Amino acid sequence: MQMRLTRKLIFAFLIGSGLVPVANVSAEPAAGLSSTEQANYLHELKRLYNTQDERKALLAHVNKLLLTYALRAGYQVGQADRNDLIYSVALGAQGELLLREETRGENSSDIAVRNQRIDVFGVDPFIRYDCPTSGISCSLNNPVTGNKMITIVRDNNGAADLAKAMSYLIRNVQKG
């Protein structure tokens, strides 16, 4: 949102100073994801997961992506403490998502589980992610705090797909 405001202010300044002719300025596209894109995306997910319930399709897709891009010990070559990081998302109370993080030691007998509640009411639904070029993982950020919420294997496209699906899920849960 801050980026859109900055862009609008820059355009206003450029137009006001005469550096950019008004005829060359096109309307800014709708912020985020368009409603037709969302409708097509949800239609395909409902078809893929054979359900008419958008929320069930989104949950199934998010959980499938979380399994597909899980950061496994096998990817962590050269790391001292290699663990599998496996996540899943479920619905909690109204307006709440439950995030489950399971950490498995390399020998698979050590398991630690951490649960996190994410209240989505009043939150920007867009999930931001970061895939540093010098690492083995990508992280998706908590929409409430901005802190790292999920760690997956380093895959830009996978992180983008997961962030998109999570964003749509948050939007859906915000509807009530």
N, C-alpha and C. Protein backbone atom coordinates (compact mmCIF):
# COMPACT_ATOMS: atom_id res chain seq x y z
N MET A 1 0.83 -1.18 0.00
CA MET A 1 0.00 0.00 0.00
C MET A 1 0.88 1.24 0.00
N GLN A 2 1.95 1.19 0.75
CA GLN A 2 2.86 2.32 0.83
C GLN A 2 3.51 2.56 -0.54
N MET A 3 3.78 1.45 -1.26
CA MET A 3 4.39 1.55 -2.57
C MET A 3 3.44 2.23 -3.56
N ARG A 4 2.14 1.89 -3.51
CA ARG A 4 1.16 2.51 -4.40
C ARG A 4 1.07 4.00 -4.12
N LEU A 5 1.04 4.38 -2.85
CA LEU A 5 0.95 5.78 -2.48
C LEU A 5 2.17 6.54 -2.98
N THR A 6 3.35 5.95 -2.82
CA THR A 6 4.57 6.58 -3.29
C THR A 6 4.53 6.76 -4.79
N ARG A 7 4.08 5.72 -5.52
CA ARG A 7 3.99 5.80 -6.97
C ARG A 7 3.03 6.90 -7.39
N LYS A 8 1.89 7.01 -6.71
CA LYS A 8 0.91 8.05 -7.04
C LYS A 8 1.48 9.44 -6.79
N LEU A 9 2.20 9.59 -5.69
CA LEU A 9 2.80 10.89 -5.38
C LEU A 9 3.86 11.27 -6.41
N ILE A 10 4.65 10.31 -6.84
CA ILE A 10 5.68 10.59 -7.85
C ILE A 10 5.02 11.02 -9.15
N PHE A 11 3.97 10.30 -9.59
CA PHE A 11 3.27 10.68 -10.81
C PHE A 11 2.65 12.06 -10.68
N ALA A 12 2.05 12.34 -9.54
CA ALA A 12 1.45 13.65 -9.34
C ALA A 12 2.51 14.74 -9.44
N PHE A 13 3.68 14.52 -8.86
CA PHE A 13 4.76 15.49 -8.93
C PHE A 13 5.24 15.67 -10.37
N LEU A 14 5.42 14.56 -11.10
CA LEU A 14 5.90 14.64 -12.47
C LEU A 14 4.89 15.34 -13.38
N ILE A 15 3.61 15.06 -13.19
CA ILE A 15 2.58 15.72 -14.00
C ILE A 15 2.52 17.20 -13.66
N GLY A 16 2.56 17.51 -12.36
CA GLY A 16 2.49 18.90 -11.91
C GLY A 16 3.67 19.72 -12.39
N SER A 17 4.84 19.10 -12.49
CA SER A 17 6.01 19.85 -12.93
C SER A 17 6.14 19.89 -14.45
N GLY A 18 5.25 19.17 -15.14
CA GLY A 18 5.28 19.19 -16.60
C GLY A 18 6.29 18.24 -17.20
N LEU A 19 6.92 17.38 -16.39
CA LEU A 19 7.91 16.45 -16.92
C LEU A 19 7.28 15.28 -17.66
N VAL A 20 6.04 14.97 -17.33
CA VAL A 20 5.31 13.89 -17.99
C VAL A 20 4.00 14.47 -18.50
N PRO A 21 3.76 14.38 -19.82
CA PRO A 21 2.48 14.87 -20.34
C PRO A 21 1.33 14.02 -19.80
N VAL A 22 0.21 14.66 -19.57
CA VAL A 22 -0.95 13.98 -19.00
C VAL A 22 -1.42 12.86 -19.92
N ALA A 23 -1.33 13.02 -21.24
CA ALA A 23 -1.81 12.02 -22.18
C ALA A 23 -1.02 10.71 -22.09
N ASN A 24 0.23 10.78 -21.65
CA ASN A 24 1.07 9.58 -21.57
C ASN A 24 0.88 8.77 -20.30
N VAL A 25 0.16 9.29 -19.35
CA VAL A 25 -0.04 8.60 -18.08
C VAL A 25 -1.28 7.72 -18.19
N SER A 26 -1.08 6.43 -18.02
CA SER A 26 -2.22 5.51 -18.07
C SER A 26 -2.72 5.26 -16.66
N ALA A 27 -3.94 4.81 -16.58
CA ALA A 27 -4.52 4.49 -15.27
C ALA A 27 -3.72 3.36 -14.65
N GLU A 28 -3.46 3.48 -13.39
CA GLU A 28 -2.71 2.45 -12.68
C GLU A 28 -3.58 1.20 -12.57
N PRO A 29 -3.01 0.01 -12.85
CA PRO A 29 -3.81 -1.20 -12.73
C PRO A 29 -4.23 -1.40 -11.29
N ALA A 30 -5.30 -2.13 -11.11
CA ALA A 30 -5.80 -2.40 -9.76
C ALA A 30 -4.70 -3.03 -8.93
N ALA A 31 -4.60 -2.62 -7.69
CA ALA A 31 -3.55 -3.11 -6.81
C ALA A 31 -3.77 -4.59 -6.55
N GLY A 32 -2.66 -5.33 -6.53
CA GLY A 32 -2.75 -6.74 -6.18
C GLY A 32 -3.32 -7.56 -7.30
N LEU A 33 -4.18 -8.47 -6.97
CA LEU A 33 -4.71 -9.43 -7.91
C LEU A 33 -6.11 -9.01 -8.34
N SER A 34 -6.36 -9.08 -9.63
CA SER A 34 -7.66 -8.65 -10.14
C SER A 34 -8.74 -9.66 -9.80
N SER A 35 -9.98 -9.21 -9.84
CA SER A 35 -11.09 -10.08 -9.48
C SER A 35 -11.29 -11.17 -10.53
N THR A 36 -11.02 -10.88 -11.81
CA THR A 36 -11.14 -11.93 -12.82
C THR A 36 -10.05 -12.98 -12.65
N GLU A 37 -8.86 -12.53 -12.30
CA GLU A 37 -7.77 -13.47 -12.03
C GLU A 37 -8.14 -14.35 -10.84
N GLN A 38 -8.69 -13.75 -9.81
CA GLN A 38 -9.09 -14.50 -8.62
C GLN A 38 -10.19 -15.50 -8.96
N ALA A 39 -11.18 -15.07 -9.74
CA ALA A 39 -12.28 -15.97 -10.11
C ALA A 39 -11.77 -17.16 -10.91
N ASN A 40 -10.87 -16.90 -11.87
CA ASN A 40 -10.30 -17.99 -12.67
C ASN A 40 -9.47 -18.93 -11.81
N TYR A 41 -8.69 -18.36 -10.93
CA TYR A 41 -7.83 -19.15 -10.04
C TYR A 41 -8.69 -20.06 -9.14
N LEU A 42 -9.70 -19.49 -8.53
CA LEU A 42 -10.57 -20.27 -7.65
C LEU A 42 -11.35 -21.33 -8.42
N HIS A 43 -11.78 -20.99 -9.62
CA HIS A 43 -12.49 -21.97 -10.46
C HIS A 43 -11.59 -23.18 -10.75
N GLU A 44 -10.35 -22.91 -11.11
CA GLU A 44 -9.41 -24.00 -11.40
C GLU A 44 -9.12 -24.83 -10.16
N LEU A 45 -8.98 -24.18 -9.00
CA LEU A 45 -8.73 -24.94 -7.77
C LEU A 45 -9.92 -25.82 -7.41
N LYS A 46 -11.12 -25.29 -7.56
CA LYS A 46 -12.31 -26.09 -7.25
C LYS A 46 -12.41 -27.29 -8.18
N ARG A 47 -12.04 -27.10 -9.44
CA ARG A 47 -12.04 -28.20 -10.39
C ARG A 47 -10.95 -29.21 -10.04
N LEU A 48 -9.77 -28.71 -9.71
CA LEU A 48 -8.63 -29.57 -9.38
C LEU A 48 -8.89 -30.44 -8.15
N TYR A 49 -9.50 -29.84 -7.13
CA TYR A 49 -9.74 -30.57 -5.87
C TYR A 49 -11.17 -31.11 -5.77
N ASN A 50 -11.91 -31.03 -6.89
CA ASN A 50 -13.24 -31.62 -6.99
C ASN A 50 -14.16 -31.22 -5.85
N THR A 51 -14.30 -29.92 -5.65
CA THR A 51 -15.19 -29.40 -4.62
C THR A 51 -15.81 -28.10 -5.12
N GLN A 52 -16.95 -27.74 -4.56
CA GLN A 52 -17.59 -26.47 -4.88
C GLN A 52 -17.29 -25.42 -3.82
N ASP A 53 -16.61 -25.81 -2.76
CA ASP A 53 -16.29 -24.92 -1.65
C ASP A 53 -14.91 -24.30 -1.88
N GLU A 54 -14.89 -22.98 -2.08
CA GLU A 54 -13.63 -22.28 -2.33
C GLU A 54 -12.64 -22.46 -1.19
N ARG A 55 -13.13 -22.37 0.03
CA ARG A 55 -12.26 -22.46 1.19
C ARG A 55 -11.59 -23.82 1.29
N LYS A 56 -12.36 -24.89 1.03
CA LYS A 56 -11.78 -26.24 1.07
C LYS A 56 -10.73 -26.40 -0.03
N ALA A 57 -11.02 -25.87 -1.21
CA ALA A 57 -10.06 -25.95 -2.31
C ALA A 57 -8.79 -25.18 -1.99
N LEU A 58 -8.93 -23.99 -1.43
CA LEU A 58 -7.76 -23.19 -1.06
C LEU A 58 -6.94 -23.87 0.03
N LEU A 59 -7.60 -24.40 1.06
CA LEU A 59 -6.89 -25.12 2.12
C LEU A 59 -6.13 -26.32 1.58
N ALA A 60 -6.79 -27.09 0.72
CA ALA A 60 -6.15 -28.27 0.13
C ALA A 60 -4.94 -27.85 -0.70
N HIS A 61 -5.08 -26.78 -1.47
CA HIS A 61 -3.98 -26.32 -2.32
C HIS A 61 -2.81 -25.78 -1.49
N VAL A 62 -3.12 -24.98 -0.50
CA VAL A 62 -2.05 -24.45 0.37
C VAL A 62 -1.29 -25.59 1.03
N ASN A 63 -2.01 -26.56 1.56
CA ASN A 63 -1.35 -27.68 2.23
C ASN A 63 -0.56 -28.54 1.25
N LYS A 64 -1.05 -28.69 0.02
CA LYS A 64 -0.30 -29.42 -1.01
C LYS A 64 0.99 -28.69 -1.34
N LEU A 65 0.91 -27.37 -1.50
CA LEU A 65 2.12 -26.59 -1.78
C LEU A 65 3.09 -26.64 -0.61
N LEU A 66 2.58 -26.60 0.61
CA LEU A 66 3.46 -26.68 1.78
C LEU A 66 4.22 -28.01 1.82
N LEU A 67 3.57 -29.09 1.43
CA LEU A 67 4.26 -30.39 1.37
C LEU A 67 5.24 -30.45 0.21
N THR A 68 4.84 -29.90 -0.93
CA THR A 68 5.70 -29.93 -2.11
C THR A 68 6.99 -29.16 -1.89
N TYR A 69 6.90 -28.01 -1.27
CA TYR A 69 8.08 -27.15 -1.09
C TYR A 69 8.65 -27.20 0.32
N ALA A 70 8.36 -28.26 1.05
CA ALA A 70 8.89 -28.40 2.41
C ALA A 70 10.41 -28.44 2.37
N LEU A 71 11.02 -27.82 3.35
CA LEU A 71 12.48 -27.82 3.46
C LEU A 71 12.88 -29.12 4.16
N ARG A 72 13.41 -30.04 3.40
CA ARG A 72 13.78 -31.37 3.91
C ARG A 72 15.26 -31.41 4.27
N ALA A 73 15.60 -32.32 5.16
CA ALA A 73 16.99 -32.47 5.60
C ALA A 73 17.90 -32.78 4.41
N GLY A 74 17.38 -33.49 3.40
CA GLY A 74 18.18 -33.84 2.23
C GLY A 74 18.65 -32.64 1.43
N TYR A 75 17.95 -31.51 1.52
CA TYR A 75 18.35 -30.30 0.82
C TYR A 75 19.41 -29.51 1.59
N GLN A 76 19.63 -29.86 2.81
CA GLN A 76 20.47 -29.06 3.69
C GLN A 76 21.89 -29.63 3.77
N VAL A 77 22.47 -29.90 2.63
CA VAL A 77 23.82 -30.47 2.56
C VAL A 77 24.81 -29.49 3.17
N GLY A 78 25.66 -29.99 4.04
CA GLY A 78 26.67 -29.16 4.68
C GLY A 78 26.20 -28.44 5.92
N GLN A 79 24.93 -28.52 6.26
CA GLN A 79 24.40 -27.89 7.46
C GLN A 79 24.70 -28.78 8.66
N ALA A 80 24.99 -28.17 9.79
CA ALA A 80 25.29 -28.93 11.00
C ALA A 80 24.05 -29.60 11.58
N ASP A 81 22.96 -28.87 11.65
CA ASP A 81 21.73 -29.37 12.26
C ASP A 81 20.65 -29.48 11.17
N ARG A 82 20.58 -30.66 10.54
CA ARG A 82 19.66 -30.85 9.42
C ARG A 82 18.33 -31.39 9.93
N ASN A 83 17.26 -30.66 9.62
CA ASN A 83 15.92 -31.05 10.05
C ASN A 83 14.94 -30.88 8.91
N ASP A 84 13.90 -31.70 8.91
CA ASP A 84 12.76 -31.50 8.01
C ASP A 84 11.87 -30.45 8.65
N LEU A 85 11.40 -29.49 7.86
CA LEU A 85 10.42 -28.50 8.31
C LEU A 85 9.15 -28.73 7.49
N ILE A 86 8.11 -29.17 8.16
CA ILE A 86 6.86 -29.49 7.47
C ILE A 86 5.75 -28.64 8.10
N TYR A 87 4.99 -27.97 7.24
CA TYR A 87 3.92 -27.08 7.70
C TYR A 87 2.57 -27.57 7.20
N SER A 88 1.54 -27.18 7.92
CA SER A 88 0.16 -27.37 7.46
C SER A 88 -0.69 -26.24 8.03
N VAL A 89 -1.76 -25.94 7.30
CA VAL A 89 -2.67 -24.87 7.69
C VAL A 89 -4.06 -25.46 7.87
N ALA A 90 -4.76 -25.00 8.90
CA ALA A 90 -6.14 -25.42 9.15
C ALA A 90 -6.93 -24.18 9.57
N LEU A 91 -8.23 -24.34 9.56
CA LEU A 91 -9.10 -23.27 10.01
C LEU A 91 -9.26 -23.35 11.52
N GLY A 92 -9.21 -22.22 12.19
CA GLY A 92 -9.46 -22.15 13.62
C GLY A 92 -10.83 -21.56 13.85
N ALA A 93 -10.92 -20.72 14.84
CA ALA A 93 -12.17 -19.99 15.11
C ALA A 93 -12.42 -19.04 13.94
N GLN A 94 -13.55 -18.39 13.93
CA GLN A 94 -13.89 -17.49 12.84
C GLN A 94 -12.81 -16.40 12.71
N GLY A 95 -12.32 -16.23 11.49
CA GLY A 95 -11.29 -15.22 11.24
C GLY A 95 -9.91 -15.62 11.69
N GLU A 96 -9.67 -16.91 11.81
CA GLU A 96 -8.39 -17.38 12.35
C GLU A 96 -7.88 -18.57 11.56
N LEU A 97 -6.59 -18.55 11.27
CA LEU A 97 -5.91 -19.68 10.66
C LEU A 97 -4.97 -20.29 11.69
N LEU A 98 -4.84 -21.60 11.64
CA LEU A 98 -3.91 -22.31 12.52
C LEU A 98 -2.76 -22.84 11.67
N LEU A 99 -1.57 -22.45 12.02
CA LEU A 99 -0.38 -22.89 11.31
C LEU A 99 0.37 -23.89 12.19
N ARG A 100 0.61 -25.07 11.66
CA ARG A 100 1.32 -26.12 12.40
C ARG A 100 2.69 -26.31 11.77
N GLU A 101 3.73 -26.21 12.58
CA GLU A 101 5.10 -26.43 12.12
C GLU A 101 5.63 -27.67 12.80
N GLU A 102 6.05 -28.62 12.00
CA GLU A 102 6.61 -29.87 12.53
C GLU A 102 8.08 -29.93 12.13
N THR A 103 8.94 -30.07 13.11
CA THR A 103 10.37 -30.18 12.87
C THR A 103 10.79 -31.60 13.22
N ARG A 104 11.36 -32.29 12.25
CA ARG A 104 11.82 -33.66 12.45
C ARG A 104 13.33 -33.69 12.35
N GLY A 105 13.95 -34.34 13.33
CA GLY A 105 15.39 -34.49 13.30
C GLY A 105 15.80 -35.40 12.18
N GLU A 106 17.09 -35.42 11.90
CA GLU A 106 17.61 -36.20 10.78
C GLU A 106 17.31 -37.70 10.93
N ASN A 107 17.28 -38.19 12.15
CA ASN A 107 17.01 -39.61 12.35
C ASN A 107 15.51 -39.90 12.48
N SER A 108 14.67 -38.91 12.28
CA SER A 108 13.20 -39.02 12.28
C SER A 108 12.57 -39.43 13.60
N SER A 109 13.35 -39.62 14.65
CA SER A 109 12.75 -39.96 15.94
C SER A 109 12.51 -38.72 16.80
N ASP A 110 13.22 -37.65 16.50
CA ASP A 110 13.04 -36.39 17.23
C ASP A 110 12.03 -35.52 16.48
N ILE A 111 10.88 -35.29 17.10
CA ILE A 111 9.84 -34.47 16.46
C ILE A 111 9.43 -33.37 17.43
N ALA A 112 9.39 -32.15 16.92
CA ALA A 112 8.92 -31.02 17.70
C ALA A 112 7.79 -30.35 16.90
N VAL A 113 6.71 -30.02 17.58
CA VAL A 113 5.56 -29.39 16.92
C VAL A 113 5.31 -28.04 17.57
N ARG A 114 5.08 -27.07 16.72
CA ARG A 114 4.76 -25.73 17.19
C ARG A 114 3.52 -25.25 16.45
N ASN A 115 2.55 -24.76 17.19
CA ASN A 115 1.31 -24.25 16.60
C ASN A 115 1.25 -22.75 16.75
N GLN A 116 0.70 -22.10 15.75
CA GLN A 116 0.60 -20.65 15.76
C GLN A 116 -0.79 -20.25 15.26
N ARG A 117 -1.45 -19.35 15.97
CA ARG A 117 -2.74 -18.82 15.55
C ARG A 117 -2.49 -17.50 14.83
N ILE A 118 -3.16 -17.35 13.69
CA ILE A 118 -3.03 -16.12 12.92
C ILE A 118 -4.42 -15.53 12.76
N ASP A 119 -4.65 -14.41 13.42
CA ASP A 119 -5.92 -13.70 13.31
C ASP A 119 -5.87 -12.86 12.05
N VAL A 120 -6.79 -13.10 11.11
CA VAL A 120 -6.71 -12.46 9.80
C VAL A 120 -7.64 -11.25 9.64
N PHE A 121 -8.49 -10.99 10.60
CA PHE A 121 -9.37 -9.83 10.48
C PHE A 121 -8.55 -8.55 10.60
N GLY A 122 -8.79 -7.62 9.69
CA GLY A 122 -8.11 -6.33 9.72
C GLY A 122 -6.67 -6.38 9.25
N VAL A 123 -6.28 -7.46 8.59
CA VAL A 123 -4.90 -7.66 8.15
C VAL A 123 -4.81 -7.52 6.64
N ASP A 124 -3.73 -6.95 6.15
CA ASP A 124 -3.47 -6.93 4.72
C ASP A 124 -3.33 -8.38 4.27
N PRO A 125 -4.16 -8.85 3.34
CA PRO A 125 -4.15 -10.27 2.99
C PRO A 125 -2.96 -10.72 2.14
N PHE A 126 -2.14 -9.81 1.68
CA PHE A 126 -1.06 -10.18 0.79
C PHE A 126 0.15 -10.67 1.58
N ILE A 127 0.52 -11.91 1.30
CA ILE A 127 1.67 -12.53 1.96
C ILE A 127 2.93 -12.12 1.21
N ARG A 128 3.90 -11.64 1.93
CA ARG A 128 5.18 -11.28 1.34
C ARG A 128 6.18 -12.39 1.60
N TYR A 129 7.09 -12.58 0.65
CA TYR A 129 8.07 -13.64 0.79
C TYR A 129 9.44 -13.13 0.38
N ASP A 130 10.45 -13.87 0.79
CA ASP A 130 11.83 -13.50 0.51
C ASP A 130 12.61 -14.78 0.16
N CYS A 131 13.30 -14.75 -0.96
CA CYS A 131 14.14 -15.87 -1.39
C CYS A 131 15.55 -15.35 -1.64
N PRO A 132 16.37 -15.28 -0.60
CA PRO A 132 17.73 -14.76 -0.79
C PRO A 132 18.54 -15.65 -1.73
N THR A 133 19.35 -15.05 -2.57
CA THR A 133 20.14 -15.81 -3.54
C THR A 133 21.24 -16.63 -2.89
N SER A 134 21.62 -16.27 -1.70
CA SER A 134 22.73 -16.96 -1.03
C SER A 134 22.24 -17.94 0.04
N GLY A 135 21.07 -18.49 -0.13
CA GLY A 135 20.58 -19.41 0.89
C GLY A 135 19.93 -20.63 0.26
N ILE A 136 19.47 -21.52 1.13
CA ILE A 136 18.82 -22.73 0.66
C ILE A 136 17.31 -22.68 0.87
N SER A 137 16.84 -21.55 1.41
CA SER A 137 15.41 -21.49 1.75
C SER A 137 14.80 -20.14 1.38
N CYS A 138 13.48 -20.17 1.29
CA CYS A 138 12.67 -18.96 1.14
C CYS A 138 11.83 -18.85 2.39
N SER A 139 11.43 -17.65 2.74
CA SER A 139 10.56 -17.49 3.89
C SER A 139 9.35 -16.66 3.50
N LEU A 140 8.20 -17.04 4.04
CA LEU A 140 6.98 -16.29 3.88
C LEU A 140 6.72 -15.58 5.19
N ASN A 141 6.29 -14.35 5.12
CA ASN A 141 6.16 -13.53 6.32
C ASN A 141 4.74 -13.52 6.85
N ASN A 142 4.64 -13.42 8.16
CA ASN A 142 3.36 -13.34 8.85
C ASN A 142 2.71 -12.00 8.47
N PRO A 143 1.44 -12.02 8.02
CA PRO A 143 0.81 -10.77 7.61
C PRO A 143 0.52 -9.82 8.78
N VAL A 144 0.53 -10.35 10.00
CA VAL A 144 0.26 -9.52 11.18
C VAL A 144 1.52 -8.83 11.65
N THR A 145 2.59 -9.61 11.86
CA THR A 145 3.82 -9.07 12.45
C THR A 145 4.90 -8.74 11.44
N GLY A 146 4.84 -9.36 10.26
CA GLY A 146 5.89 -9.17 9.27
C GLY A 146 7.09 -10.06 9.50
N ASN A 147 7.09 -10.83 10.57
CA ASN A 147 8.19 -11.75 10.88
C ASN A 147 8.08 -13.01 10.04
N LYS A 148 9.19 -13.76 9.98
CA LYS A 148 9.19 -15.01 9.24
C LYS A 148 8.15 -15.96 9.84
N MET A 149 7.28 -16.52 8.97
CA MET A 149 6.21 -17.40 9.41
C MET A 149 6.45 -18.83 8.92
N ILE A 150 6.88 -18.98 7.68
CA ILE A 150 7.06 -20.28 7.06
C ILE A 150 8.40 -20.29 6.33
N THR A 151 9.12 -21.38 6.45
CA THR A 151 10.37 -21.56 5.73
C THR A 151 10.20 -22.74 4.79
N ILE A 152 10.47 -22.51 3.50
CA ILE A 152 10.37 -23.57 2.50
C ILE A 152 11.69 -23.67 1.74
N VAL A 153 11.81 -24.70 0.90
CA VAL A 153 13.01 -24.86 0.09
C VAL A 153 13.11 -23.66 -0.86
N ARG A 154 14.32 -23.28 -1.22
CA ARG A 154 14.52 -22.12 -2.08
C ARG A 154 14.00 -22.40 -3.49
N ASP A 155 12.87 -21.81 -3.79
CA ASP A 155 12.22 -21.92 -5.10
C ASP A 155 11.35 -20.68 -5.27
N ASN A 156 11.80 -19.75 -6.08
CA ASN A 156 11.06 -18.48 -6.26
C ASN A 156 9.63 -18.71 -6.73
N ASN A 157 9.47 -19.58 -7.72
CA ASN A 157 8.12 -19.84 -8.24
C ASN A 157 7.24 -20.51 -7.19
N GLY A 158 7.82 -21.45 -6.44
CA GLY A 158 7.06 -22.11 -5.39
C GLY A 158 6.65 -21.14 -4.30
N ALA A 159 7.55 -20.24 -3.93
CA ALA A 159 7.23 -19.24 -2.91
C ALA A 159 6.14 -18.29 -3.41
N ALA A 160 6.23 -17.92 -4.68
CA ALA A 160 5.21 -17.03 -5.26
C ALA A 160 3.85 -17.73 -5.30
N ASP A 161 3.83 -19.01 -5.70
CA ASP A 161 2.57 -19.77 -5.74
C ASP A 161 1.97 -19.91 -4.35
N LEU A 162 2.81 -20.22 -3.38
CA LEU A 162 2.33 -20.39 -2.01
C LEU A 162 1.84 -19.06 -1.44
N ALA A 163 2.56 -17.99 -1.69
CA ALA A 163 2.12 -16.67 -1.20
C ALA A 163 0.79 -16.27 -1.82
N LYS A 164 0.60 -16.56 -3.10
CA LYS A 164 -0.65 -16.25 -3.78
C LYS A 164 -1.80 -17.06 -3.18
N ALA A 165 -1.59 -18.35 -3.01
CA ALA A 165 -2.64 -19.21 -2.44
C ALA A 165 -2.98 -18.80 -1.01
N MET A 166 -1.96 -18.50 -0.22
CA MET A 166 -2.19 -18.05 1.16
C MET A 166 -2.94 -16.72 1.18
N SER A 167 -2.60 -15.83 0.26
CA SER A 167 -3.28 -14.54 0.19
C SER A 167 -4.76 -14.72 -0.12
N TYR A 168 -5.06 -15.57 -1.09
CA TYR A 168 -6.45 -15.84 -1.41
C TYR A 168 -7.19 -16.52 -0.25
N LEU A 169 -6.49 -17.41 0.45
CA LEU A 169 -7.11 -18.06 1.61
C LEU A 169 -7.42 -17.04 2.69
N ILE A 170 -6.50 -16.14 2.96
CA ILE A 170 -6.75 -15.10 3.97
C ILE A 170 -7.92 -14.24 3.56
N ARG A 171 -7.98 -13.85 2.30
CA ARG A 171 -9.11 -13.06 1.80
C ARG A 171 -10.43 -13.80 2.04
N ASN A 172 -10.42 -15.10 1.74
CA ASN A 172 -11.62 -15.91 1.89
C ASN A 172 -12.04 -16.00 3.34
N VAL A 173 -11.09 -16.19 4.24
CA VAL A 173 -11.41 -16.29 5.68
C VAL A 173 -11.88 -14.94 6.20
N GLN A 174 -11.35 -13.85 5.67
CA GLN A 174 -11.78 -12.52 6.10
C GLN A 174 -13.24 -12.25 5.76
N LYS A 175 -13.75 -12.92 4.74
CA LYS A 175 -15.15 -12.73 4.36
C LYS A 175 -16.10 -13.28 5.42
N GLY A 176 -15.59 -14.18 6.21
CA GLY A 176 -16.42 -14.74 7.30
C GLY A 176 -16.98 -16.07 7.03
